[in-house]
Amino acid sequence: MGVAHHASYLVWFEAGRTELIRASGRSYAQIEQDGWLLVVVEARCRYLRPARYDDRLTIRTRLAALRGATLEFGYQVIRTEDGELLAEGTTVHAAVDRTGRPRRIPQEIRRWLGGAGPAAAPGGRAGVHPVEGRSAGGPGEPKRSAARAGARAAPEGKGG
């Protein structure tokens, strides 16, 4: 059909989330080494316009909420060429220990993740870190790009 597969958006959300965490000073690997897992308990995507094969995409990611044992991330998929918003979504994650039991997110993680989200910013302004240079691929996985990802902040856009 000439458009990116609907499941690719969840893969792009994961890439954006990984880069947001990296930009906040740690990595997913470090979180796991400390004994914490952030498991997806809910995912939502609203498709507004199709991403076509070989479209260059920007994935804007922000920490939308940080609660006792859960985090919520918000995403926007934007066609880089014209700035068109193609999709928006959220994922909710439960913080669990290695046994799979939900645990309150430790203060240390709250502190460094809070710098990327509403808890640390006056007026609830969230940090936004895009993953740039993704290309919408064919069936299955999106094409990977050697473009620099997640290194610069972008203004917060629609999607609240």
N, C-alpha and C. Protein backbone atom coordinates (compact mmCIF):
# COMPACT_ATOMS: atom_id res chain seq x y z
N MET A 1 0.81 -1.20 0.00
CA MET A 1 0.00 0.00 0.00
C MET A 1 0.85 1.26 0.00
N GLY A 2 2.16 1.12 0.12
CA GLY A 2 3.03 2.28 0.08
C GLY A 2 3.11 3.07 1.37
N VAL A 3 2.57 2.54 2.46
CA VAL A 3 2.61 3.25 3.74
C VAL A 3 3.30 2.38 4.79
N ALA A 4 3.80 3.04 5.83
CA ALA A 4 4.45 2.32 6.93
C ALA A 4 3.42 1.47 7.67
N HIS A 5 3.82 0.30 8.07
CA HIS A 5 2.96 -0.61 8.82
C HIS A 5 2.60 0.01 10.17
N HIS A 6 1.38 -0.19 10.61
CA HIS A 6 0.92 0.43 11.86
C HIS A 6 1.78 0.06 13.07
N ALA A 7 2.32 -1.15 13.10
CA ALA A 7 3.14 -1.57 14.24
C ALA A 7 4.48 -0.84 14.30
N SER A 8 4.94 -0.29 13.18
CA SER A 8 6.21 0.44 13.17
C SER A 8 6.19 1.62 14.11
N TYR A 9 5.02 2.21 14.32
CA TYR A 9 4.93 3.38 15.18
C TYR A 9 5.33 3.05 16.61
N LEU A 10 4.97 1.85 17.08
CA LEU A 10 5.38 1.46 18.44
C LEU A 10 6.89 1.28 18.53
N VAL A 11 7.51 0.80 17.47
CA VAL A 11 8.97 0.68 17.42
C VAL A 11 9.58 2.07 17.47
N TRP A 12 9.01 3.00 16.74
CA TRP A 12 9.52 4.38 16.74
C TRP A 12 9.33 5.02 18.10
N PHE A 13 8.20 4.74 18.78
CA PHE A 13 8.00 5.25 20.13
C PHE A 13 9.10 4.75 21.06
N GLU A 14 9.43 3.48 20.93
CA GLU A 14 10.48 2.91 21.78
C GLU A 14 11.83 3.61 21.53
N ALA A 15 12.14 3.86 20.28
CA ALA A 15 13.39 4.56 19.95
C ALA A 15 13.39 5.96 20.57
N GLY A 16 12.27 6.66 20.48
CA GLY A 16 12.17 7.99 21.07
C GLY A 16 12.32 7.96 22.58
N ARG A 17 11.69 6.98 23.22
CA ARG A 17 11.77 6.83 24.67
C ARG A 17 13.20 6.52 25.10
N THR A 18 13.86 5.66 24.36
CA THR A 18 15.25 5.31 24.67
C THR A 18 16.14 6.54 24.58
N GLU A 19 15.95 7.36 23.55
CA GLU A 19 16.76 8.57 23.39
C GLU A 19 16.44 9.61 24.45
N LEU A 20 15.18 9.72 24.85
CA LEU A 20 14.82 10.66 25.92
C LEU A 20 15.53 10.27 27.22
N ILE A 21 15.49 8.99 27.55
CA ILE A 21 16.17 8.52 28.76
C ILE A 21 17.67 8.77 28.65
N ARG A 22 18.26 8.49 27.50
CA ARG A 22 19.69 8.74 27.30
C ARG A 22 20.00 10.23 27.46
N ALA A 23 19.16 11.09 26.91
CA ALA A 23 19.38 12.54 26.99
C ALA A 23 19.25 13.06 28.42
N SER A 24 18.54 12.31 29.27
CA SER A 24 18.39 12.74 30.66
C SER A 24 19.57 12.31 31.53
N GLY A 25 20.52 11.59 30.94
CA GLY A 25 21.75 11.28 31.67
C GLY A 25 21.99 9.82 31.99
N ARG A 26 21.07 8.94 31.68
CA ARG A 26 21.26 7.52 31.94
C ARG A 26 20.83 6.74 30.70
N SER A 27 20.89 5.45 30.78
CA SER A 27 20.41 4.62 29.68
C SER A 27 19.49 3.55 30.22
N TYR A 28 18.69 2.95 29.34
CA TYR A 28 17.85 1.83 29.75
C TYR A 28 18.71 0.73 30.37
N ALA A 29 19.87 0.49 29.76
CA ALA A 29 20.76 -0.57 30.27
C ALA A 29 21.16 -0.28 31.71
N GLN A 30 21.45 0.97 32.04
CA GLN A 30 21.84 1.33 33.40
C GLN A 30 20.68 1.13 34.37
N ILE A 31 19.47 1.47 33.92
CA ILE A 31 18.29 1.27 34.78
C ILE A 31 18.16 -0.22 35.10
N GLU A 32 18.30 -1.05 34.07
CA GLU A 32 18.17 -2.50 34.28
C GLU A 32 19.31 -3.04 35.14
N GLN A 33 20.52 -2.52 34.98
CA GLN A 33 21.64 -2.95 35.82
C GLN A 33 21.38 -2.62 37.29
N ASP A 34 20.64 -1.55 37.54
CA ASP A 34 20.29 -1.17 38.91
C ASP A 34 19.13 -2.00 39.46
N GLY A 35 18.61 -2.93 38.64
CA GLY A 35 17.56 -3.83 39.12
C GLY A 35 16.14 -3.41 38.83
N TRP A 36 15.97 -2.41 37.96
CA TRP A 36 14.64 -1.90 37.64
C TRP A 36 14.28 -2.19 36.20
N LEU A 37 13.01 -2.53 35.98
CA LEU A 37 12.49 -2.70 34.63
C LEU A 37 11.30 -1.77 34.47
N LEU A 38 11.18 -1.16 33.31
CA LEU A 38 10.04 -0.28 33.01
C LEU A 38 9.20 -1.00 31.96
N VAL A 39 8.24 -1.79 32.42
CA VAL A 39 7.45 -2.61 31.51
C VAL A 39 6.26 -1.83 30.97
N VAL A 40 5.98 -2.02 29.70
CA VAL A 40 4.84 -1.36 29.06
C VAL A 40 3.57 -2.05 29.53
N VAL A 41 2.65 -1.27 30.09
CA VAL A 41 1.37 -1.81 30.52
C VAL A 41 0.21 -1.28 29.69
N GLU A 42 0.50 -0.25 28.89
CA GLU A 42 -0.53 0.31 28.01
C GLU A 42 0.16 1.06 26.88
N ALA A 43 -0.38 0.94 25.67
CA ALA A 43 0.13 1.68 24.52
C ALA A 43 -1.05 2.16 23.69
N ARG A 44 -0.94 3.39 23.22
CA ARG A 44 -2.01 3.97 22.40
C ARG A 44 -1.36 4.74 21.27
N CYS A 45 -1.94 4.64 20.09
CA CYS A 45 -1.47 5.42 18.96
C CYS A 45 -2.68 5.89 18.16
N ARG A 46 -2.70 7.16 17.86
CA ARG A 46 -3.76 7.75 17.02
C ARG A 46 -3.11 8.12 15.70
N TYR A 47 -3.55 7.47 14.64
CA TYR A 47 -2.99 7.68 13.30
C TYR A 47 -3.76 8.81 12.63
N LEU A 48 -3.07 9.87 12.27
CA LEU A 48 -3.72 11.03 11.67
C LEU A 48 -3.53 11.07 10.15
N ARG A 49 -2.32 10.78 9.70
CA ARG A 49 -1.97 10.76 8.28
C ARG A 49 -0.97 9.61 8.09
N PRO A 50 -0.94 8.99 6.94
CA PRO A 50 0.01 7.89 6.75
C PRO A 50 1.45 8.38 6.55
N ALA A 51 2.38 7.63 7.12
CA ALA A 51 3.80 7.81 6.79
C ALA A 51 4.03 6.94 5.56
N ARG A 52 4.60 7.51 4.54
CA ARG A 52 4.86 6.77 3.30
C ARG A 52 6.30 6.26 3.33
N TYR A 53 6.54 5.20 2.58
CA TYR A 53 7.89 4.64 2.52
C TYR A 53 8.87 5.74 2.14
N ASP A 54 9.99 5.75 2.83
CA ASP A 54 11.09 6.68 2.64
C ASP A 54 10.82 8.09 3.12
N ASP A 55 9.66 8.36 3.77
CA ASP A 55 9.48 9.65 4.43
C ASP A 55 10.52 9.76 5.54
N ARG A 56 11.11 10.94 5.71
CA ARG A 56 11.99 11.20 6.85
C ARG A 56 11.09 11.63 8.00
N LEU A 57 11.31 11.04 9.18
CA LEU A 57 10.42 11.27 10.31
C LEU A 57 11.19 11.79 11.52
N THR A 58 10.51 12.60 12.31
CA THR A 58 11.01 13.02 13.61
C THR A 58 10.04 12.46 14.64
N ILE A 59 10.57 11.82 15.66
CA ILE A 59 9.76 11.27 16.74
C ILE A 59 10.01 12.15 17.96
N ARG A 60 9.02 12.95 18.34
CA ARG A 60 9.14 13.80 19.52
C ARG A 60 8.60 13.02 20.71
N THR A 61 9.38 12.99 21.77
CA THR A 61 9.05 12.19 22.94
C THR A 61 9.19 13.05 24.18
N ARG A 62 8.25 12.89 25.10
CA ARG A 62 8.33 13.64 26.35
C ARG A 62 7.80 12.78 27.48
N LEU A 63 8.28 13.04 28.68
CA LEU A 63 7.74 12.41 29.87
C LEU A 63 6.48 13.19 30.22
N ALA A 64 5.32 12.55 30.11
CA ALA A 64 4.05 13.23 30.34
C ALA A 64 3.62 13.16 31.80
N ALA A 65 3.95 12.07 32.50
CA ALA A 65 3.55 11.94 33.90
C ALA A 65 4.52 10.99 34.61
N LEU A 66 4.76 11.29 35.87
CA LEU A 66 5.63 10.46 36.72
C LEU A 66 4.88 10.29 38.04
N ARG A 67 4.35 9.09 38.24
CA ARG A 67 3.54 8.82 39.42
C ARG A 67 4.28 7.84 40.33
N GLY A 68 3.60 7.32 41.33
CA GLY A 68 4.22 6.41 42.30
C GLY A 68 5.04 5.31 41.68
N ALA A 69 4.39 4.42 40.92
CA ALA A 69 5.10 3.30 40.30
C ALA A 69 4.92 3.28 38.78
N THR A 70 4.42 4.38 38.21
CA THR A 70 4.22 4.42 36.75
C THR A 70 4.79 5.69 36.14
N LEU A 71 5.12 5.55 34.87
CA LEU A 71 5.56 6.68 34.04
C LEU A 71 4.70 6.67 32.79
N GLU A 72 4.41 7.83 32.27
CA GLU A 72 3.70 7.93 30.99
C GLU A 72 4.52 8.80 30.06
N PHE A 73 4.74 8.30 28.86
CA PHE A 73 5.46 9.04 27.83
C PHE A 73 4.49 9.44 26.73
N GLY A 74 4.68 10.61 26.17
CA GLY A 74 3.88 11.08 25.04
C GLY A 74 4.76 11.17 23.81
N TYR A 75 4.16 10.92 22.64
CA TYR A 75 4.92 10.88 21.38
C TYR A 75 4.18 11.61 20.27
N GLN A 76 4.96 12.16 19.35
CA GLN A 76 4.44 12.68 18.10
C GLN A 76 5.35 12.18 16.98
N VAL A 77 4.74 11.70 15.91
CA VAL A 77 5.48 11.30 14.71
C VAL A 77 5.22 12.39 13.69
N ILE A 78 6.29 13.05 13.26
CA ILE A 78 6.19 14.20 12.37
C ILE A 78 6.99 13.94 11.11
N ARG A 79 6.40 14.22 9.96
CA ARG A 79 7.15 14.13 8.70
C ARG A 79 8.10 15.33 8.67
N THR A 80 9.39 15.06 8.64
CA THR A 80 10.41 16.09 8.75
C THR A 80 10.32 17.11 7.61
N GLU A 81 10.06 16.64 6.41
CA GLU A 81 10.05 17.52 5.23
C GLU A 81 9.08 18.69 5.34
N ASP A 82 7.86 18.43 5.82
CA ASP A 82 6.85 19.50 5.84
C ASP A 82 6.28 19.78 7.23
N GLY A 83 6.78 19.07 8.26
CA GLY A 83 6.31 19.31 9.62
C GLY A 83 4.92 18.75 9.91
N GLU A 84 4.38 17.94 9.03
CA GLU A 84 3.04 17.37 9.20
C GLU A 84 3.01 16.37 10.35
N LEU A 85 2.06 16.53 11.27
CA LEU A 85 1.85 15.59 12.36
C LEU A 85 1.14 14.37 11.80
N LEU A 86 1.80 13.21 11.85
CA LEU A 86 1.25 11.99 11.27
C LEU A 86 0.56 11.11 12.31
N ALA A 87 1.07 11.09 13.53
CA ALA A 87 0.50 10.26 14.58
C ALA A 87 0.92 10.81 15.93
N GLU A 88 0.12 10.48 16.93
CA GLU A 88 0.49 10.82 18.29
C GLU A 88 0.04 9.68 19.19
N GLY A 89 0.74 9.52 20.30
CA GLY A 89 0.39 8.41 21.16
C GLY A 89 1.00 8.52 22.54
N THR A 90 0.74 7.49 23.33
CA THR A 90 1.29 7.42 24.69
C THR A 90 1.63 5.97 25.01
N THR A 91 2.55 5.81 25.92
CA THR A 91 2.79 4.51 26.55
C THR A 91 2.85 4.74 28.05
N VAL A 92 2.31 3.78 28.79
CA VAL A 92 2.37 3.81 30.25
C VAL A 92 3.23 2.63 30.67
N HIS A 93 4.13 2.89 31.61
CA HIS A 93 5.10 1.88 32.06
C HIS A 93 5.00 1.71 33.56
N ALA A 94 5.05 0.47 34.01
CA ALA A 94 5.12 0.17 35.44
C ALA A 94 6.57 -0.11 35.79
N ALA A 95 7.01 0.47 36.89
CA ALA A 95 8.35 0.17 37.41
C ALA A 95 8.24 -1.10 38.24
N VAL A 96 9.02 -2.11 37.86
CA VAL A 96 9.01 -3.37 38.60
C VAL A 96 10.44 -3.77 38.92
N ASP A 97 10.58 -4.58 39.97
CA ASP A 97 11.91 -5.11 40.29
C ASP A 97 12.15 -6.38 39.47
N ARG A 98 13.27 -7.02 39.69
CA ARG A 98 13.62 -8.21 38.90
C ARG A 98 12.67 -9.39 39.11
N THR A 99 11.89 -9.36 40.19
CA THR A 99 10.93 -10.44 40.41
C THR A 99 9.60 -10.15 39.72
N GLY A 100 9.47 -8.96 39.13
CA GLY A 100 8.24 -8.58 38.44
C GLY A 100 7.23 -7.88 39.32
N ARG A 101 7.61 -7.59 40.55
CA ARG A 101 6.70 -6.89 41.46
C ARG A 101 6.76 -5.39 41.25
N PRO A 102 5.60 -4.74 41.16
CA PRO A 102 5.59 -3.27 41.02
C PRO A 102 6.26 -2.63 42.23
N ARG A 103 7.05 -1.62 41.97
CA ARG A 103 7.76 -0.90 43.03
C ARG A 103 7.66 0.60 42.76
N ARG A 104 7.57 1.34 43.83
CA ARG A 104 7.59 2.80 43.72
C ARG A 104 8.91 3.20 43.07
N ILE A 105 8.83 4.15 42.17
CA ILE A 105 10.03 4.60 41.46
C ILE A 105 10.95 5.30 42.46
N PRO A 106 12.20 4.83 42.58
CA PRO A 106 13.13 5.41 43.56
C PRO A 106 13.41 6.89 43.30
N GLN A 107 13.73 7.61 44.38
CA GLN A 107 14.01 9.04 44.29
C GLN A 107 15.10 9.36 43.28
N GLU A 108 16.13 8.53 43.22
CA GLU A 108 17.23 8.78 42.27
C GLU A 108 16.71 8.81 40.83
N ILE A 109 15.89 7.83 40.47
CA ILE A 109 15.33 7.79 39.12
C ILE A 109 14.38 8.95 38.91
N ARG A 110 13.57 9.27 39.92
CA ARG A 110 12.65 10.41 39.83
C ARG A 110 13.42 11.70 39.57
N ARG A 111 14.55 11.85 40.27
CA ARG A 111 15.34 13.07 40.14
C ARG A 111 15.85 13.27 38.73
N TRP A 112 16.50 12.23 38.15
CA TRP A 112 17.08 12.45 36.83
C TRP A 112 16.05 12.37 35.73
N LEU A 113 15.00 11.56 35.88
CA LEU A 113 13.94 11.56 34.88
C LEU A 113 13.08 12.81 34.99
N GLY A 114 12.92 13.32 36.21
CA GLY A 114 12.14 14.53 36.41
C GLY A 114 12.66 15.71 35.64
N GLY A 115 13.95 15.74 35.35
CA GLY A 115 14.51 16.83 34.56
C GLY A 115 14.01 16.82 33.13
N ALA A 116 13.42 15.70 32.69
CA ALA A 116 12.88 15.62 31.33
C ALA A 116 11.37 15.73 31.32
N GLY A 117 10.78 15.94 32.49
CA GLY A 117 9.33 15.91 32.52
C GLY A 117 8.71 16.98 33.39
N PRO A 118 7.40 16.89 33.60
CA PRO A 118 6.65 17.94 34.25
C PRO A 118 7.01 18.17 35.71
N ALA A 119 7.52 17.17 36.40
CA ALA A 119 7.82 17.33 37.82
C ALA A 119 8.90 18.36 38.08
N ALA A 120 9.82 18.53 37.15
CA ALA A 120 10.96 19.41 37.39
C ALA A 120 10.80 20.79 36.79
N ALA A 121 9.86 20.97 35.91
CA ALA A 121 9.76 22.23 35.19
C ALA A 121 8.61 23.07 35.72
N PRO A 122 8.85 24.37 35.90
CA PRO A 122 7.77 25.24 36.36
C PRO A 122 6.61 25.22 35.36
N GLY A 123 5.42 25.25 35.87
CA GLY A 123 4.25 25.32 35.00
C GLY A 123 3.96 24.03 34.27
N GLY A 124 4.62 22.93 34.63
CA GLY A 124 4.35 21.64 34.00
C GLY A 124 4.91 21.51 32.60
N ARG A 125 5.85 22.35 32.20
CA ARG A 125 6.44 22.26 30.86
C ARG A 125 7.34 21.04 30.78
N ALA A 126 7.13 20.19 29.83
CA ALA A 126 7.92 18.96 29.72
C ALA A 126 9.04 19.15 28.71
N GLY A 127 10.16 18.48 28.95
CA GLY A 127 11.25 18.47 27.98
C GLY A 127 10.86 17.60 26.80
N VAL A 128 11.34 17.93 25.63
CA VAL A 128 11.03 17.16 24.43
C VAL A 128 12.34 16.85 23.73
N HIS A 129 12.58 15.58 23.43
CA HIS A 129 13.80 15.17 22.77
C HIS A 129 13.42 14.36 21.54
N PRO A 130 13.68 14.89 20.34
CA PRO A 130 13.26 14.15 19.14
C PRO A 130 14.29 13.11 18.73
N VAL A 131 13.80 12.06 18.09
CA VAL A 131 14.67 11.14 17.37
C VAL A 131 14.50 11.55 15.93
N GLU A 132 15.56 12.04 15.31
CA GLU A 132 15.45 12.55 13.95
C GLU A 132 16.12 11.61 12.98
N GLY A 133 15.73 11.73 11.73
CA GLY A 133 16.40 10.99 10.68
C GLY A 133 15.90 9.58 10.47
N ARG A 134 14.77 9.22 11.02
CA ARG A 134 14.19 7.90 10.75
C ARG A 134 13.52 7.95 9.38
N SER A 135 13.58 6.85 8.68
CA SER A 135 12.86 6.73 7.42
C SER A 135 11.78 5.70 7.61
N ALA A 136 10.60 6.00 7.09
CA ALA A 136 9.53 5.01 7.11
C ALA A 136 9.94 3.90 6.16
N GLY A 137 9.98 2.68 6.67
CA GLY A 137 10.47 1.56 5.88
C GLY A 137 9.35 0.78 5.23
N GLY A 138 9.73 -0.33 4.65
CA GLY A 138 8.77 -1.22 4.04
C GLY A 138 8.14 -2.10 5.11
N PRO A 139 7.60 -3.23 4.73
CA PRO A 139 6.97 -4.12 5.70
C PRO A 139 7.95 -4.49 6.81
N GLY A 140 7.44 -4.53 8.03
CA GLY A 140 8.28 -4.90 9.17
C GLY A 140 9.00 -3.71 9.75
N GLU A 141 10.25 -3.89 10.08
CA GLU A 141 11.03 -2.87 10.77
C GLU A 141 11.29 -1.65 9.89
N PRO A 142 11.34 -0.46 10.54
CA PRO A 142 11.70 0.73 9.78
C PRO A 142 13.18 0.70 9.43
N LYS A 143 13.55 1.41 8.36
CA LYS A 143 14.96 1.51 8.01
C LYS A 143 15.67 2.30 9.08
N ARG A 144 16.86 1.89 9.44
CA ARG A 144 17.66 2.61 10.43
C ARG A 144 18.52 3.63 9.69
N SER A 145 18.73 4.74 10.32
CA SER A 145 19.52 5.80 9.72
C SER A 145 20.76 6.05 10.57
N ALA A 146 21.81 6.48 9.94
CA ALA A 146 23.02 6.83 10.67
C ALA A 146 22.93 8.25 11.20
N ALA A 147 21.80 8.91 10.98
CA ALA A 147 21.64 10.29 11.43
C ALA A 147 21.72 10.37 12.95
N ARG A 148 22.18 11.50 13.44
CA ARG A 148 22.27 11.74 14.86
C ARG A 148 20.87 11.71 15.45
N ALA A 149 20.70 11.02 16.55
CA ALA A 149 19.37 10.86 17.13
C ALA A 149 19.31 11.40 18.54
N GLY A 150 18.27 12.17 18.82
CA GLY A 150 17.95 12.56 20.18
C GLY A 150 18.87 13.57 20.83
N ALA A 151 19.72 14.23 20.09
CA ALA A 151 20.72 15.07 20.72
C ALA A 151 20.26 16.49 20.97
N ARG A 152 19.22 16.97 20.30
CA ARG A 152 18.84 18.35 20.53
C ARG A 152 17.38 18.43 20.92
N ALA A 153 17.06 19.42 21.72
CA ALA A 153 15.68 19.59 22.13
C ALA A 153 14.91 20.31 21.06
N ALA A 154 13.63 20.04 21.00
CA ALA A 154 12.74 20.71 20.05
C ALA A 154 11.60 21.33 20.85
N PRO A 155 10.94 22.32 20.30
CA PRO A 155 9.84 22.94 21.04
C PRO A 155 8.71 21.95 21.23
N GLU A 156 8.02 22.09 22.35
CA GLU A 156 6.89 21.20 22.60
C GLU A 156 5.78 21.53 21.62
N GLY A 157 5.16 20.50 21.08
CA GLY A 157 4.12 20.71 20.09
C GLY A 157 2.78 20.23 20.57
N LYS A 158 1.86 20.09 19.66
CA LYS A 158 0.51 19.61 19.93
C LYS A 158 0.58 18.20 20.52
N GLY A 159 -0.35 17.84 21.31
CA GLY A 159 -0.43 16.49 21.82
C GLY A 159 -0.37 16.40 23.33
N GLY A 160 -0.17 17.52 24.01
CA GLY A 160 -0.26 17.71 25.42
C GLY A 160 0.22 16.75 26.32
